[in-house]
Amino acid sequence: MNAKIKPRRRMRGARLADAPGVAMRALLAGALLCGLALPGPLAAQAGSELKIAYVDMQRLLDGAPQMAAARERLAREFAARDAALKQDQGRLASMETRLREEGAFIQRDEAERLKQQTDALRRSVERSRERMRDELTRRTREEADRAFPAISEAVAEYARAQGIDLVLTSPVIYYNAKIDITDRVIDSLRSAGAE
């Protein structure tokens, strides 16, 4: 009988000998995140109390003065296109009303021509609306990306000034409202903008 012995494959990642070290590091990281008391010399290194705060990033972006200014810029940038779209929508509504109310009383070829014009204008309005929505989404994302570094730095500055060790951002499963610093960071952004 010619049996083949398969060589043992090495495990990827941590070796078994490293397991206690990996477990200890995971336990230490978990303890730091949960704010648990650390034994002996580790407690002296970490400080007596770990201060954790929470920031709702969506609320922060919505309330930040940088984003309010960006929304105003975008409103000015898209005002002409929005007005033209509303004008086309008004023309479309009046054409549809005319077709509905007078369609039975006008000649067949005139009614057909009016229906074709109405359909063409409807497609044009829908395309324009779609393009404008896509462009507005892209520009809003660009403005948020431009403002995000300053907003992130404001969170970090506030945390350093208040002696906060860790700031968690959304989404989180649970947080107590007493550690939410979102409104205070928004206030600091507004006061920095006023200066």
C-alpha atoms as a PDB file:
ATOM      1  CA  MET A   1       0.000   0.000   0.000  1.00  0.00           C
ATOM      2  CA  ASN A   2       1.395   3.331  -1.019  1.00  0.00           C
ATOM      3  CA  ALA A   3      -0.040   5.935   1.382  1.00  0.00           C
ATOM      4  CA  LYS A   4       0.992   9.521   0.986  1.00  0.00           C
ATOM      5  CA  ILE A   5       1.523  11.613   4.053  1.00  0.00           C
ATOM      6  CA  LYS A   6       0.400  15.173   3.628  1.00  0.00           C
ATOM      7  CA  PRO A   7       2.709  17.767   5.123  1.00  0.00           C
ATOM      8  CA  ARG A   8       1.193  19.954   7.804  1.00  0.00           C
ATOM      9  CA  ARG A   9       0.395  23.435   6.605  1.00  0.00           C
ATOM     10  CA  ARG A  10       1.537  26.370   8.657  1.00  0.00           C
ATOM     11  CA  MET A  11      -1.194  28.546  10.063  1.00  0.00           C
ATOM     12  CA  ARG A  12      -1.338  32.065   8.745  1.00  0.00           C
ATOM     13  CA  GLY A  13      -1.235  34.962  11.130  1.00  0.00           C
ATOM     14  CA  ALA A  14      -0.123  34.654  14.722  1.00  0.00           C
ATOM     15  CA  ARG A  15       1.756  31.559  15.850  1.00  0.00           C
ATOM     16  CA  LEU A  16       0.534  29.613  18.832  1.00  0.00           C
ATOM     17  CA  ALA A  17       3.472  30.880  20.870  1.00  0.00           C
ATOM     18  CA  ASP A  18       2.268  34.443  20.191  1.00  0.00           C
ATOM     19  CA  ALA A  19      -1.262  33.742  21.445  1.00  0.00           C
ATOM     20  CA  PRO A  20      -0.712  34.944  25.036  1.00  0.00           C
ATOM     21  CA  GLY A  21       0.799  38.210  23.758  1.00  0.00           C
ATOM     22  CA  VAL A  22      -2.020  38.730  21.280  1.00  0.00           C
ATOM     23  CA  ALA A  23      -4.618  37.972  23.938  1.00  0.00           C
ATOM     24  CA  MET A  24      -2.951  40.357  26.409  1.00  0.00           C
ATOM     25  CA  ARG A  25      -2.852  43.174  23.838  1.00  0.00           C
ATOM     26  CA  ALA A  26      -6.518  42.603  22.962  1.00  0.00           C
ATOM     27  CA  LEU A  27      -7.463  42.599  26.649  1.00  0.00           C
ATOM     28  CA  LEU A  28      -5.490  45.791  27.255  1.00  0.00           C
ATOM     29  CA  ALA A  29      -7.082  47.528  24.242  1.00  0.00           C
ATOM     30  CA  GLY A  30     -10.539  46.457  25.371  1.00  0.00           C
ATOM     31  CA  ALA A  31      -9.888  47.697  28.885  1.00  0.00           C
ATOM     32  CA  LEU A  32      -8.698  51.066  27.599  1.00  0.00           C
ATOM     33  CA  LEU A  33     -11.733  51.478  25.362  1.00  0.00           C
ATOM     34  CA  CYS A  34     -14.139  50.523  28.119  1.00  0.00           C
ATOM     35  CA  GLY A  35     -12.410  52.755  30.658  1.00  0.00           C
ATOM     36  CA  LEU A  36     -11.808  49.900  33.076  1.00  0.00           C
ATOM     37  CA  ALA A  37      -9.242  50.208  35.840  1.00  0.00           C
ATOM     38  CA  LEU A  38      -5.895  48.804  34.794  1.00  0.00           C
ATOM     39  CA  PRO A  39      -3.740  46.816  37.187  1.00  0.00           C
ATOM     40  CA  GLY A  40      -0.505  48.114  38.700  1.00  0.00           C
ATOM     41  CA  PRO A  41       1.939  50.015  36.502  1.00  0.00           C
ATOM     42  CA  LEU A  42      -0.441  50.069  33.532  1.00  0.00           C
ATOM     43  CA  ALA A  43      -2.880  52.239  35.501  1.00  0.00           C
ATOM     44  CA  ALA A  44      -0.168  54.804  36.173  1.00  0.00           C
ATOM     45  CA  GLN A  45       0.702  54.938  32.457  1.00  0.00           C
ATOM     46  CA  ALA A  46      -2.885  55.274  31.258  1.00  0.00           C
ATOM     47  CA  GLY A  47      -3.835  57.871  33.859  1.00  0.00           C
ATOM     48  CA  SER A  48      -6.389  57.532  36.569  1.00  0.00           C
ATOM     49  CA  GLU A  49      -9.450  58.098  34.385  1.00  0.00           C
ATOM     50  CA  LEU A  50     -10.020  57.760  30.676  1.00  0.00           C
ATOM     51  CA  LYS A  51     -12.247  60.515  29.240  1.00  0.00           C
ATOM     52  CA  ILE A  52     -14.324  59.475  26.242  1.00  0.00           C
ATOM     53  CA  ALA A  53     -16.581  61.694  24.144  1.00  0.00           C
ATOM     54  CA  TYR A  54     -18.912  61.185  21.219  1.00  0.00           C
ATOM     55  CA  VAL A  55     -19.518  63.305  18.094  1.00  0.00           C
ATOM     56  CA  ASP A  56     -22.481  62.838  15.757  1.00  0.00           C
ATOM     57  CA  MET A  57     -20.731  63.540  12.462  1.00  0.00           C
ATOM     58  CA  GLN A  58     -23.918  64.033  10.443  1.00  0.00           C
ATOM     59  CA  ARG A  59     -25.244  66.600  12.908  1.00  0.00           C
ATOM     60  CA  LEU A  60     -21.811  68.219  13.035  1.00  0.00           C
ATOM     61  CA  LEU A  61     -21.648  68.504   9.243  1.00  0.00           C
ATOM     62  CA  ASP A  62     -25.205  69.836   9.103  1.00  0.00           C
ATOM     63  CA  GLY A  63     -24.542  72.455  11.792  1.00  0.00           C
ATOM     64  CA  ALA A  64     -21.005  73.510  10.917  1.00  0.00           C
ATOM     65  CA  PRO A  65     -20.744  77.081   9.621  1.00  0.00           C
ATOM     66  CA  GLN A  66     -18.431  75.869   6.837  1.00  0.00           C
ATOM     67  CA  MET A  67     -21.230  73.672   5.508  1.00  0.00           C
ATOM     68  CA  ALA A  68     -23.821  76.464   5.882  1.00  0.00           C
ATOM     69  CA  ALA A  69     -21.573  78.688   3.751  1.00  0.00           C
ATOM     70  CA  ALA A  70     -21.167  75.847   1.249  1.00  0.00           C
ATOM     71  CA  ARG A  71     -24.954  75.430   1.018  1.00  0.00           C
ATOM     72  CA  GLU A  72     -25.296  79.164   0.298  1.00  0.00           C
ATOM     73  CA  ARG A  73     -22.611  78.966  -2.417  1.00  0.00           C
ATOM     74  CA  LEU A  74     -24.350  75.992  -4.002  1.00  0.00           C
ATOM     75  CA  ALA A  75     -27.722  77.760  -3.904  1.00  0.00           C
ATOM     76  CA  ARG A  76     -26.209  80.729  -5.774  1.00  0.00           C
ATOM     77  CA  GLU A  77     -24.390  78.412  -8.200  1.00  0.00           C
ATOM     78  CA  PHE A  78     -27.532  76.450  -9.083  1.00  0.00           C
ATOM     79  CA  ALA A  79     -30.049  79.335  -8.955  1.00  0.00           C
ATOM     80  CA  ALA A  80     -30.078  80.044 -12.713  1.00  0.00           C
ATOM     81  CA  ARG A  81     -30.451  76.375 -13.644  1.00  0.00           C
ATOM     82  CA  ASP A  82     -33.161  75.903 -11.030  1.00  0.00           C
ATOM     83  CA  ALA A  83     -35.078  78.929 -12.367  1.00  0.00           C
ATOM     84  CA  ALA A  84     -34.821  77.611 -15.943  1.00  0.00           C
ATOM     85  CA  LEU A  85     -36.034  74.193 -14.826  1.00  0.00           C
ATOM     86  CA  LYS A  86     -38.997  75.741 -13.001  1.00  0.00           C
ATOM     87  CA  GLN A  87     -39.849  77.764 -16.080  1.00  0.00           C
ATOM     88  CA  ASP A  88     -39.824  74.606 -18.239  1.00  0.00           C
ATOM     89  CA  GLN A  89     -41.958  72.819 -15.658  1.00  0.00           C
ATOM     90  CA  GLY A  90     -44.468  75.683 -15.797  1.00  0.00           C
ATOM     91  CA  ARG A  91     -44.575  75.509 -19.613  1.00  0.00           C
ATOM     92  CA  LEU A  92     -45.046  71.747 -19.411  1.00  0.00           C
ATOM     93  CA  ALA A  93     -47.915  72.108 -16.932  1.00  0.00           C
ATOM     94  CA  SER A  94     -49.693  74.647 -19.150  1.00  0.00           C
ATOM     95  CA  MET A  95     -49.211  72.455 -22.253  1.00  0.00           C
ATOM     96  CA  GLU A  96     -50.603  69.430 -20.420  1.00  0.00           C
ATOM     97  CA  THR A  97     -53.577  71.487 -19.211  1.00  0.00           C
ATOM     98  CA  ARG A  98     -54.260  72.760 -22.733  1.00  0.00           C
ATOM     99  CA  LEU A  99     -54.008  69.247 -24.154  1.00  0.00           C
ATOM    100  CA  ARG A 100     -56.345  67.881 -21.502  1.00  0.00           C
ATOM    101  CA  GLU A 101     -58.918  70.668 -21.751  1.00  0.00           C
ATOM    102  CA  GLU A 102     -58.814  71.488 -25.475  1.00  0.00           C
ATOM    103  CA  GLY A 103     -57.631  68.180 -26.934  1.00  0.00           C
ATOM    104  CA  ALA A 104     -61.095  67.056 -27.902  1.00  0.00           C
ATOM    105  CA  PHE A 105     -61.973  70.386 -29.552  1.00  0.00           C
ATOM    106  CA  ILE A 106     -58.898  70.998 -31.739  1.00  0.00           C
ATOM    107  CA  GLN A 107     -58.078  69.256 -35.000  1.00  0.00           C
ATOM    108  CA  ARG A 108     -56.504  65.818 -34.816  1.00  0.00           C
ATOM    109  CA  ASP A 109     -53.140  66.795 -36.358  1.00  0.00           C
ATOM    110  CA  GLU A 110     -52.930  69.893 -34.093  1.00  0.00           C
ATOM    111  CA  ALA A 111     -53.681  67.710 -31.053  1.00  0.00           C
ATOM    112  CA  GLU A 112     -51.038  65.178 -32.153  1.00  0.00           C
ATOM    113  CA  ARG A 113     -48.448  67.945 -32.635  1.00  0.00           C
ATOM    114  CA  LEU A 114     -49.243  69.370 -29.179  1.00  0.00           C
ATOM    115  CA  LYS A 115     -48.938  65.889 -27.628  1.00  0.00           C
ATOM    116  CA  GLN A 116     -45.519  65.331 -29.286  1.00  0.00           C
ATOM    117  CA  GLN A 117     -44.285  68.732 -28.058  1.00  0.00           C
ATOM    118  CA  THR A 118     -45.575  67.968 -24.565  1.00  0.00           C
ATOM    119  CA  ASP A 119     -43.843  64.570 -24.515  1.00  0.00           C
ATOM    120  CA  ALA A 120     -40.570  66.062 -25.786  1.00  0.00           C
ATOM    121  CA  LEU A 121     -40.679  68.814 -23.165  1.00  0.00           C
ATOM    122  CA  ARG A 122     -41.489  66.282 -20.414  1.00  0.00           C
ATOM    123  CA  ARG A 123     -38.428  64.178 -21.383  1.00  0.00           C
ATOM    124  CA  SER A 124     -36.274  67.309 -21.496  1.00  0.00           C
ATOM    125  CA  VAL A 125     -37.471  68.403 -18.028  1.00  0.00           C
ATOM    126  CA  GLU A 126     -36.797  64.948 -16.581  1.00  0.00           C
ATOM    127  CA  ARG A 127     -33.284  64.847 -18.090  1.00  0.00           C
ATOM    128  CA  SER A 128     -32.527  68.361 -16.830  1.00  0.00           C
ATOM    129  CA  ARG A 129     -33.813  67.509 -13.361  1.00  0.00           C
ATOM    130  CA  GLU A 130     -31.702  64.330 -13.264  1.00  0.00           C
ATOM    131  CA  ARG A 131     -28.536  66.114 -14.455  1.00  0.00           C
ATOM    132  CA  MET A 132     -29.038  68.919 -11.946  1.00  0.00           C
ATOM    133  CA  ARG A 133     -29.631  66.459  -9.097  1.00  0.00           C
ATOM    134  CA  ASP A 134     -26.455  64.521 -10.005  1.00  0.00           C
ATOM    135  CA  GLU A 135     -24.405  67.710 -10.296  1.00  0.00           C
ATOM    136  CA  LEU A 136     -25.741  69.022  -6.985  1.00  0.00           C
ATOM    137  CA  THR A 137     -24.925  65.725  -5.262  1.00  0.00           C
ATOM    138  CA  ARG A 138     -21.383  65.793  -6.674  1.00  0.00           C
ATOM    139  CA  ARG A 139     -20.812  69.425  -5.690  1.00  0.00           C
ATOM    140  CA  THR A 140     -22.237  68.860  -2.194  1.00  0.00           C
ATOM    141  CA  ARG A 141     -19.826  65.960  -1.735  1.00  0.00           C
ATOM    142  CA  GLU A 142     -16.931  68.146  -2.933  1.00  0.00           C
ATOM    143  CA  GLU A 143     -17.854  70.904  -0.486  1.00  0.00           C
ATOM    144  CA  ALA A 144     -18.128  68.406   2.386  1.00  0.00           C
ATOM    145  CA  ASP A 145     -14.725  66.931   1.479  1.00  0.00           C
ATOM    146  CA  ARG A 146     -13.244  70.436   1.424  1.00  0.00           C
ATOM    147  CA  ALA A 147     -14.700  71.345   4.852  1.00  0.00           C
ATOM    148  CA  PHE A 148     -14.044  68.013   6.562  1.00  0.00           C
ATOM    149  CA  PRO A 149     -10.357  68.584   7.520  1.00  0.00           C
ATOM    150  CA  ALA A 150     -11.171  71.848   9.320  1.00  0.00           C
ATOM    151  CA  ILE A 151     -14.139  70.249  11.071  1.00  0.00           C
ATOM    152  CA  SER A 152     -12.061  67.228  12.139  1.00  0.00           C
ATOM    153  CA  GLU A 153      -9.336  69.522  13.441  1.00  0.00           C
ATOM    154  CA  ALA A 154     -11.945  71.469  15.440  1.00  0.00           C
ATOM    155  CA  VAL A 155     -13.058  68.224  17.086  1.00  0.00           C
ATOM    156  CA  ALA A 156      -9.449  67.342  17.918  1.00  0.00           C
ATOM    157  CA  GLU A 157      -8.699  70.827  19.282  1.00  0.00           C
ATOM    158  CA  TYR A 158     -11.796  70.772  21.467  1.00  0.00           C
ATOM    159  CA  ALA A 159     -10.894  67.299  22.752  1.00  0.00           C
ATOM    160  CA  ARG A 160      -7.331  68.368  23.580  1.00  0.00           C
ATOM    161  CA  ALA A 161      -8.545  71.528  25.329  1.00  0.00           C
ATOM    162  CA  GLN A 162     -11.010  69.527  27.446  1.00  0.00           C
ATOM    163  CA  GLY A 163      -8.540  66.737  28.246  1.00  0.00           C
ATOM    164  CA  ILE A 164     -10.545  64.128  26.352  1.00  0.00           C
ATOM    165  CA  ASP A 165      -8.578  60.974  25.589  1.00  0.00           C
ATOM    166  CA  LEU A 166     -10.798  59.415  22.926  1.00  0.00           C
ATOM    167  CA  VAL A 167     -13.527  60.758  20.626  1.00  0.00           C
ATOM    168  CA  LEU A 168     -15.884  58.266  19.016  1.00  0.00           C
ATOM    169  CA  THR A 169     -17.850  59.210  15.922  1.00  0.00           C
ATOM    170  CA  SER A 170     -21.080  57.913  14.505  1.00  0.00           C
ATOM    171  CA  PRO A 171     -22.217  55.284  13.907  1.00  0.00           C
ATOM    172  CA  VAL A 172     -22.005  53.711  17.354  1.00  0.00           C
ATOM    173  CA  ILE A 173     -24.413  51.262  18.921  1.00  0.00           C
ATOM    174  CA  TYR A 174     -24.980  53.253  22.097  1.00  0.00           C
ATOM    175  CA  TYR A 175     -23.752  56.397  23.777  1.00  0.00           C
ATOM    176  CA  ASN A 176     -24.873  58.357  26.786  1.00  0.00           C
ATOM    177  CA  ALA A 177     -25.936  61.908  25.948  1.00  0.00           C
ATOM    178  CA  LYS A 178     -23.664  63.308  28.657  1.00  0.00           C
ATOM    179  CA  ILE A 179     -20.572  62.434  26.557  1.00  0.00           C
ATOM    180  CA  ASP A 180     -21.984  64.001  23.348  1.00  0.00           C
ATOM    181  CA  ILE A 181     -19.831  67.028  22.483  1.00  0.00           C
ATOM    182  CA  THR A 182     -21.338  67.710  19.052  1.00  0.00           C
ATOM    183  CA  ASP A 183     -23.112  70.944  19.976  1.00  0.00           C
ATOM    184  CA  ARG A 184     -20.071  72.261  21.838  1.00  0.00           C
ATOM    185  CA  VAL A 185     -17.850  71.617  18.805  1.00  0.00           C
ATOM    186  CA  ILE A 186     -20.392  73.388  16.563  1.00  0.00           C
ATOM    187  CA  ASP A 187     -20.348  76.331  18.973  1.00  0.00           C
ATOM    188  CA  SER A 188     -16.539  76.423  18.875  1.00  0.00           C
ATOM    189  CA  LEU A 189     -16.624  76.360  15.044  1.00  0.00           C
ATOM    190  CA  ARG A 190     -19.094  79.253  15.042  1.00  0.00           C
ATOM    191  CA  SER A 191     -17.051  81.313  17.479  1.00  0.00           C
ATOM    192  CA  ALA A 192     -13.870  80.617  15.489  1.00  0.00           C
ATOM    193  CA  GLY A 193     -15.691  81.737  12.331  1.00  0.00           C
ATOM    194  CA  ALA A 194     -16.925  84.904  14.007  1.00  0.00           C
ATOM    195  CA  GLU A 195     -13.364  85.867  14.914  1.00  0.00           C
END
